[in-house]
Amino acid sequence: AELWCGLGISCYINREPEKAIKLLSDYIGIEPKLEKPATLGGAVVLQIAAHLATQFGTSSEVRAHLEAQLAWVADHGVVKVLNMPDNFYGGKVSQFDRQVARWKHEATCPSAVF
């Protein structure tokens, strides 16, 4: 599932919307059955799927993804930004972890829904 989600987001970033929407739609279908969702699953995947549906002009899918994103945020709350310095309490935070945290925060904050 992590790979499926990651490939979908990679296709989205690399401007391959047809591949991205297929992979992300498949992932969205299986996410509720997973013990642990993908790192960029949840609100992030739903926000990207809504954006892709907007590009394809499928307003019913846009609405469904946005409603699912809002429901996810209502269930899980806003994800806090991981913005601590390295070696804080002896731990090391990678730049990738910070970027993922920011992306999750942006997908769950009140201004996220476009």
N, C-alpha and C. Protein backbone atom coordinates (compact mmCIF):
# COMPACT_ATOMS: atom_id res chain seq x y z
N ALA A 1 0.83 -1.19 0.00
CA ALA A 1 0.00 0.00 0.00
C ALA A 1 0.88 1.26 0.00
N GLU A 2 1.95 1.22 0.76
CA GLU A 2 2.86 2.37 0.81
C GLU A 2 3.42 2.66 -0.58
N LEU A 3 3.79 1.61 -1.29
CA LEU A 3 4.34 1.76 -2.63
C LEU A 3 3.28 2.29 -3.59
N TRP A 4 2.07 1.76 -3.48
CA TRP A 4 0.96 2.19 -4.33
C TRP A 4 0.71 3.68 -4.16
N CYS A 5 0.61 4.12 -2.94
CA CYS A 5 0.38 5.52 -2.62
C CYS A 5 1.56 6.38 -3.10
N GLY A 6 2.76 5.91 -2.82
CA GLY A 6 3.96 6.65 -3.23
C GLY A 6 4.07 6.80 -4.74
N LEU A 7 3.75 5.73 -5.47
CA LEU A 7 3.79 5.80 -6.93
C LEU A 7 2.74 6.78 -7.46
N GLY A 8 1.56 6.76 -6.86
CA GLY A 8 0.51 7.70 -7.27
C GLY A 8 0.92 9.14 -7.06
N ILE A 9 1.52 9.43 -5.92
CA ILE A 9 1.96 10.79 -5.63
C ILE A 9 3.12 11.17 -6.54
N SER A 10 4.01 10.22 -6.81
CA SER A 10 5.12 10.47 -7.73
C SER A 10 4.60 10.81 -9.13
N CYS A 11 3.60 10.07 -9.59
CA CYS A 11 3.01 10.36 -10.90
C CYS A 11 2.35 11.74 -10.90
N TYR A 12 1.73 12.11 -9.79
CA TYR A 12 1.12 13.44 -9.67
C TYR A 12 2.19 14.53 -9.77
N ILE A 13 3.27 14.35 -9.03
CA ILE A 13 4.34 15.34 -9.03
C ILE A 13 4.99 15.44 -10.42
N ASN A 14 5.11 14.31 -11.11
CA ASN A 14 5.75 14.28 -12.43
C ASN A 14 4.76 14.54 -13.57
N ARG A 15 3.60 15.06 -13.23
CA ARG A 15 2.59 15.46 -14.22
C ARG A 15 2.14 14.33 -15.13
N GLU A 16 1.80 13.21 -14.50
CA GLU A 16 1.21 12.08 -15.20
C GLU A 16 -0.15 11.83 -14.55
N PRO A 17 -1.13 12.71 -14.81
CA PRO A 17 -2.39 12.66 -14.07
C PRO A 17 -3.20 11.38 -14.27
N GLU A 18 -3.17 10.80 -15.46
CA GLU A 18 -3.95 9.58 -15.69
C GLU A 18 -3.46 8.43 -14.82
N LYS A 19 -2.14 8.25 -14.78
CA LYS A 19 -1.56 7.20 -13.93
C LYS A 19 -1.80 7.52 -12.45
N ALA A 20 -1.63 8.78 -12.09
CA ALA A 20 -1.76 9.19 -10.69
C ALA A 20 -3.17 8.93 -10.17
N ILE A 21 -4.19 9.32 -10.94
CA ILE A 21 -5.56 9.15 -10.44
C ILE A 21 -5.91 7.68 -10.33
N LYS A 22 -5.42 6.85 -11.23
CA LYS A 22 -5.68 5.41 -11.16
C LYS A 22 -5.06 4.82 -9.89
N LEU A 23 -3.77 5.10 -9.67
CA LEU A 23 -3.08 4.56 -8.49
C LEU A 23 -3.68 5.08 -7.19
N LEU A 24 -3.96 6.38 -7.14
CA LEU A 24 -4.48 6.96 -5.91
C LEU A 24 -5.91 6.50 -5.63
N SER A 25 -6.72 6.35 -6.68
CA SER A 25 -8.09 5.85 -6.49
C SER A 25 -8.06 4.42 -5.95
N ASP A 26 -7.16 3.61 -6.49
CA ASP A 26 -7.03 2.24 -5.98
C ASP A 26 -6.59 2.25 -4.52
N TYR A 27 -5.64 3.13 -4.19
CA TYR A 27 -5.16 3.21 -2.81
C TYR A 27 -6.27 3.68 -1.88
N ILE A 28 -7.03 4.70 -2.29
CA ILE A 28 -8.12 5.23 -1.45
C ILE A 28 -9.12 4.12 -1.14
N GLY A 29 -9.33 3.22 -2.11
CA GLY A 29 -10.26 2.11 -1.89
C GLY A 29 -9.80 1.12 -0.84
N ILE A 30 -8.48 0.93 -0.72
CA ILE A 30 -7.98 -0.06 0.24
C ILE A 30 -7.54 0.55 1.57
N GLU A 31 -7.38 1.86 1.62
CA GLU A 31 -6.85 2.49 2.84
C GLU A 31 -7.67 2.18 4.09
N PRO A 32 -9.01 2.19 4.05
CA PRO A 32 -9.77 1.89 5.28
C PRO A 32 -9.51 0.49 5.83
N LYS A 33 -9.05 -0.43 4.99
CA LYS A 33 -8.81 -1.81 5.44
C LYS A 33 -7.41 -2.00 6.01
N LEU A 34 -6.55 -1.00 5.87
CA LEU A 34 -5.17 -1.12 6.32
C LEU A 34 -5.05 -0.90 7.82
N GLU A 35 -4.11 -1.62 8.44
CA GLU A 35 -3.82 -1.39 9.86
C GLU A 35 -3.19 -0.02 10.04
N LYS A 36 -2.26 0.30 9.14
CA LYS A 36 -1.54 1.57 9.19
C LYS A 36 -1.54 2.16 7.79
N PRO A 37 -2.09 3.37 7.61
CA PRO A 37 -2.10 3.96 6.27
C PRO A 37 -0.70 4.36 5.83
N ALA A 38 -0.56 4.63 4.56
CA ALA A 38 0.72 5.07 4.00
C ALA A 38 1.12 6.40 4.63
N THR A 39 2.39 6.72 4.57
CA THR A 39 2.91 7.95 5.15
C THR A 39 2.18 9.18 4.63
N LEU A 40 1.95 9.22 3.33
CA LEU A 40 1.24 10.35 2.73
C LEU A 40 -0.20 10.00 2.41
N GLY A 41 -0.75 9.04 3.13
CA GLY A 41 -2.15 8.67 2.93
C GLY A 41 -3.07 9.67 3.62
N GLY A 42 -4.29 9.27 3.84
CA GLY A 42 -5.25 10.11 4.56
C GLY A 42 -5.60 11.37 3.81
N ALA A 43 -5.52 12.48 4.49
CA ALA A 43 -5.95 13.76 3.93
C ALA A 43 -5.11 14.19 2.73
N VAL A 44 -3.83 13.85 2.72
CA VAL A 44 -2.95 14.25 1.62
C VAL A 44 -3.41 13.59 0.32
N VAL A 45 -3.63 12.28 0.36
CA VAL A 45 -4.07 11.54 -0.82
C VAL A 45 -5.43 12.05 -1.30
N LEU A 46 -6.33 12.32 -0.38
CA LEU A 46 -7.65 12.81 -0.75
C LEU A 46 -7.58 14.20 -1.38
N GLN A 47 -6.70 15.05 -0.87
CA GLN A 47 -6.54 16.38 -1.44
C GLN A 47 -5.97 16.29 -2.86
N ILE A 48 -4.98 15.43 -3.06
CA ILE A 48 -4.40 15.27 -4.39
C ILE A 48 -5.43 14.68 -5.35
N ALA A 49 -6.19 13.70 -4.89
CA ALA A 49 -7.23 13.10 -5.75
C ALA A 49 -8.27 14.14 -6.14
N ALA A 50 -8.63 15.02 -5.22
CA ALA A 50 -9.58 16.09 -5.54
C ALA A 50 -9.00 17.03 -6.58
N HIS A 51 -7.73 17.35 -6.44
CA HIS A 51 -7.07 18.23 -7.41
C HIS A 51 -7.03 17.57 -8.79
N LEU A 52 -6.72 16.29 -8.84
CA LEU A 52 -6.70 15.58 -10.12
C LEU A 52 -8.10 15.51 -10.73
N ALA A 53 -9.10 15.27 -9.91
CA ALA A 53 -10.48 15.22 -10.41
C ALA A 53 -10.88 16.59 -10.97
N THR A 54 -10.38 17.65 -10.37
CA THR A 54 -10.64 19.00 -10.89
C THR A 54 -10.04 19.14 -12.28
N GLN A 55 -8.83 18.63 -12.46
CA GLN A 55 -8.18 18.69 -13.78
C GLN A 55 -8.98 17.94 -14.83
N PHE A 56 -9.59 16.82 -14.45
CA PHE A 56 -10.36 16.01 -15.39
C PHE A 56 -11.80 16.50 -15.53
N GLY A 57 -12.21 17.47 -14.72
CA GLY A 57 -13.54 18.04 -14.82
C GLY A 57 -14.66 17.15 -14.28
N THR A 58 -14.34 16.28 -13.35
CA THR A 58 -15.36 15.40 -12.76
C THR A 58 -15.76 15.96 -11.40
N SER A 59 -16.75 16.85 -11.43
CA SER A 59 -17.12 17.58 -10.21
C SER A 59 -17.68 16.66 -9.12
N SER A 60 -18.34 15.58 -9.50
CA SER A 60 -18.87 14.68 -8.47
C SER A 60 -17.73 14.00 -7.70
N GLU A 61 -16.66 13.66 -8.40
CA GLU A 61 -15.50 13.06 -7.73
C GLU A 61 -14.79 14.09 -6.87
N VAL A 62 -14.70 15.33 -7.36
CA VAL A 62 -14.08 16.39 -6.56
C VAL A 62 -14.82 16.53 -5.24
N ARG A 63 -16.13 16.60 -5.32
CA ARG A 63 -16.94 16.74 -4.10
C ARG A 63 -16.75 15.55 -3.16
N ALA A 64 -16.75 14.35 -3.72
CA ALA A 64 -16.59 13.15 -2.89
C ALA A 64 -15.24 13.15 -2.18
N HIS A 65 -14.18 13.51 -2.90
CA HIS A 65 -12.84 13.53 -2.29
C HIS A 65 -12.73 14.61 -1.22
N LEU A 66 -13.30 15.79 -1.50
CA LEU A 66 -13.24 16.87 -0.51
C LEU A 66 -14.05 16.54 0.74
N GLU A 67 -15.22 15.93 0.55
CA GLU A 67 -16.01 15.52 1.72
C GLU A 67 -15.27 14.46 2.53
N ALA A 68 -14.60 13.53 1.83
CA ALA A 68 -13.82 12.51 2.53
C ALA A 68 -12.64 13.15 3.27
N GLN A 69 -12.02 14.16 2.65
CA GLN A 69 -10.91 14.86 3.30
C GLN A 69 -11.39 15.57 4.56
N LEU A 70 -12.53 16.25 4.47
CA LEU A 70 -13.07 16.94 5.64
C LEU A 70 -13.44 15.95 6.74
N ALA A 71 -13.99 14.79 6.35
CA ALA A 71 -14.33 13.76 7.34
C ALA A 71 -13.06 13.23 8.01
N TRP A 72 -12.00 13.05 7.22
CA TRP A 72 -10.72 12.57 7.77
C TRP A 72 -10.20 13.58 8.80
N VAL A 73 -10.25 14.87 8.43
CA VAL A 73 -9.77 15.91 9.35
C VAL A 73 -10.63 15.95 10.61
N ALA A 74 -11.94 15.78 10.45
CA ALA A 74 -12.83 15.77 11.62
C ALA A 74 -12.49 14.59 12.54
N ASP A 75 -12.15 13.44 11.96
CA ASP A 75 -11.82 12.25 12.76
C ASP A 75 -10.44 12.32 13.40
N HIS A 76 -9.47 12.85 12.66
CA HIS A 76 -8.07 12.78 13.10
C HIS A 76 -7.49 14.11 13.57
N GLY A 77 -8.12 15.21 13.21
CA GLY A 77 -7.61 16.52 13.61
C GLY A 77 -6.50 17.01 12.70
N VAL A 78 -6.03 18.19 13.00
CA VAL A 78 -4.96 18.81 12.23
C VAL A 78 -3.63 18.18 12.62
N VAL A 79 -2.83 17.85 11.61
CA VAL A 79 -1.51 17.27 11.85
C VAL A 79 -0.54 18.42 12.11
N LYS A 80 0.17 18.33 13.21
CA LYS A 80 1.11 19.38 13.58
C LYS A 80 2.36 19.29 12.71
N VAL A 81 2.97 20.43 12.47
CA VAL A 81 4.19 20.49 11.67
C VAL A 81 5.36 20.03 12.53
N LEU A 82 6.14 19.12 11.98
CA LEU A 82 7.34 18.64 12.65
C LEU A 82 8.45 19.64 12.35
N ASN A 83 8.66 20.54 13.27
CA ASN A 83 9.56 21.65 12.98
C ASN A 83 10.63 21.79 14.07
N MET A 84 11.06 20.68 14.59
CA MET A 84 12.05 20.76 15.64
C MET A 84 13.47 20.63 15.07
N PRO A 85 14.41 21.18 15.77
CA PRO A 85 15.80 21.11 15.30
C PRO A 85 16.38 19.71 15.50
N ASP A 86 17.45 19.44 14.79
CA ASP A 86 18.16 18.18 14.99
C ASP A 86 18.66 18.09 16.42
N ASN A 87 18.75 16.86 16.89
CA ASN A 87 19.25 16.55 18.22
C ASN A 87 18.40 17.10 19.35
N PHE A 88 17.15 17.42 19.08
CA PHE A 88 16.23 17.84 20.12
C PHE A 88 15.86 16.61 20.91
N TYR A 89 16.18 16.56 22.18
CA TYR A 89 16.02 15.39 23.04
C TYR A 89 16.80 14.19 22.49
N GLY A 90 17.90 14.46 21.84
CA GLY A 90 18.76 13.38 21.36
C GLY A 90 18.33 12.78 20.04
N GLY A 91 17.25 13.22 19.43
CA GLY A 91 16.80 12.66 18.16
C GLY A 91 17.27 13.47 16.97
N LYS A 92 17.16 12.87 15.82
CA LYS A 92 17.53 13.55 14.59
C LYS A 92 16.31 13.54 13.67
N VAL A 93 15.94 14.69 13.18
CA VAL A 93 14.80 14.83 12.28
C VAL A 93 15.34 15.12 10.88
N SER A 94 14.99 14.26 9.93
CA SER A 94 15.49 14.47 8.57
C SER A 94 14.67 15.53 7.85
N GLN A 95 15.25 16.08 6.80
CA GLN A 95 14.55 17.08 6.01
C GLN A 95 13.30 16.48 5.36
N PHE A 96 13.39 15.20 4.97
CA PHE A 96 12.24 14.51 4.39
C PHE A 96 11.09 14.44 5.39
N ASP A 97 11.40 14.10 6.65
CA ASP A 97 10.36 14.03 7.68
C ASP A 97 9.69 15.38 7.88
N ARG A 98 10.48 16.45 7.82
CA ARG A 98 9.91 17.79 7.95
C ARG A 98 8.98 18.10 6.78
N GLN A 99 9.40 17.74 5.56
CA GLN A 99 8.57 18.00 4.39
C GLN A 99 7.26 17.21 4.45
N VAL A 100 7.33 15.96 4.86
CA VAL A 100 6.12 15.14 4.99
C VAL A 100 5.19 15.76 6.02
N ALA A 101 5.73 16.20 7.15
CA ALA A 101 4.91 16.81 8.19
C ALA A 101 4.24 18.09 7.69
N ARG A 102 4.96 18.89 6.93
CA ARG A 102 4.37 20.12 6.40
C ARG A 102 3.24 19.80 5.42
N TRP A 103 3.46 18.78 4.58
CA TRP A 103 2.45 18.39 3.60
C TRP A 103 1.19 17.89 4.31
N LYS A 104 1.37 17.08 5.34
CA LYS A 104 0.23 16.59 6.10
C LYS A 104 -0.51 17.74 6.78
N HIS A 105 0.25 18.69 7.33
CA HIS A 105 -0.37 19.83 8.00
C HIS A 105 -1.18 20.65 6.99
N GLU A 106 -0.60 20.90 5.82
CA GLU A 106 -1.29 21.69 4.81
C GLU A 106 -2.58 21.01 4.35
N ALA A 107 -2.58 19.68 4.32
CA ALA A 107 -3.77 18.94 3.88
C ALA A 107 -4.84 18.87 4.96
N THR A 108 -4.50 19.18 6.19
CA THR A 108 -5.49 19.06 7.27
C THR A 108 -5.86 20.40 7.90
N CYS A 109 -5.19 21.48 7.55
CA CYS A 109 -5.51 22.77 8.17
C CYS A 109 -6.77 23.36 7.53
N PRO A 110 -7.44 24.26 8.21
CA PRO A 110 -8.70 24.82 7.70
C PRO A 110 -8.61 25.44 6.32
N SER A 111 -7.46 25.96 5.94
CA SER A 111 -7.33 26.59 4.62
C SER A 111 -6.99 25.59 3.53
N ALA A 112 -6.95 24.30 3.87
CA ALA A 112 -6.53 23.30 2.91
C ALA A 112 -7.54 23.04 1.80
N VAL A 113 -8.79 23.13 2.10
CA VAL A 113 -9.82 22.79 1.11
C VAL A 113 -9.97 23.95 0.14
N PHE A 114 -9.72 23.65 -1.11
CA PHE A 114 -9.75 24.72 -2.13
C PHE A 114 -11.08 24.79 -2.82
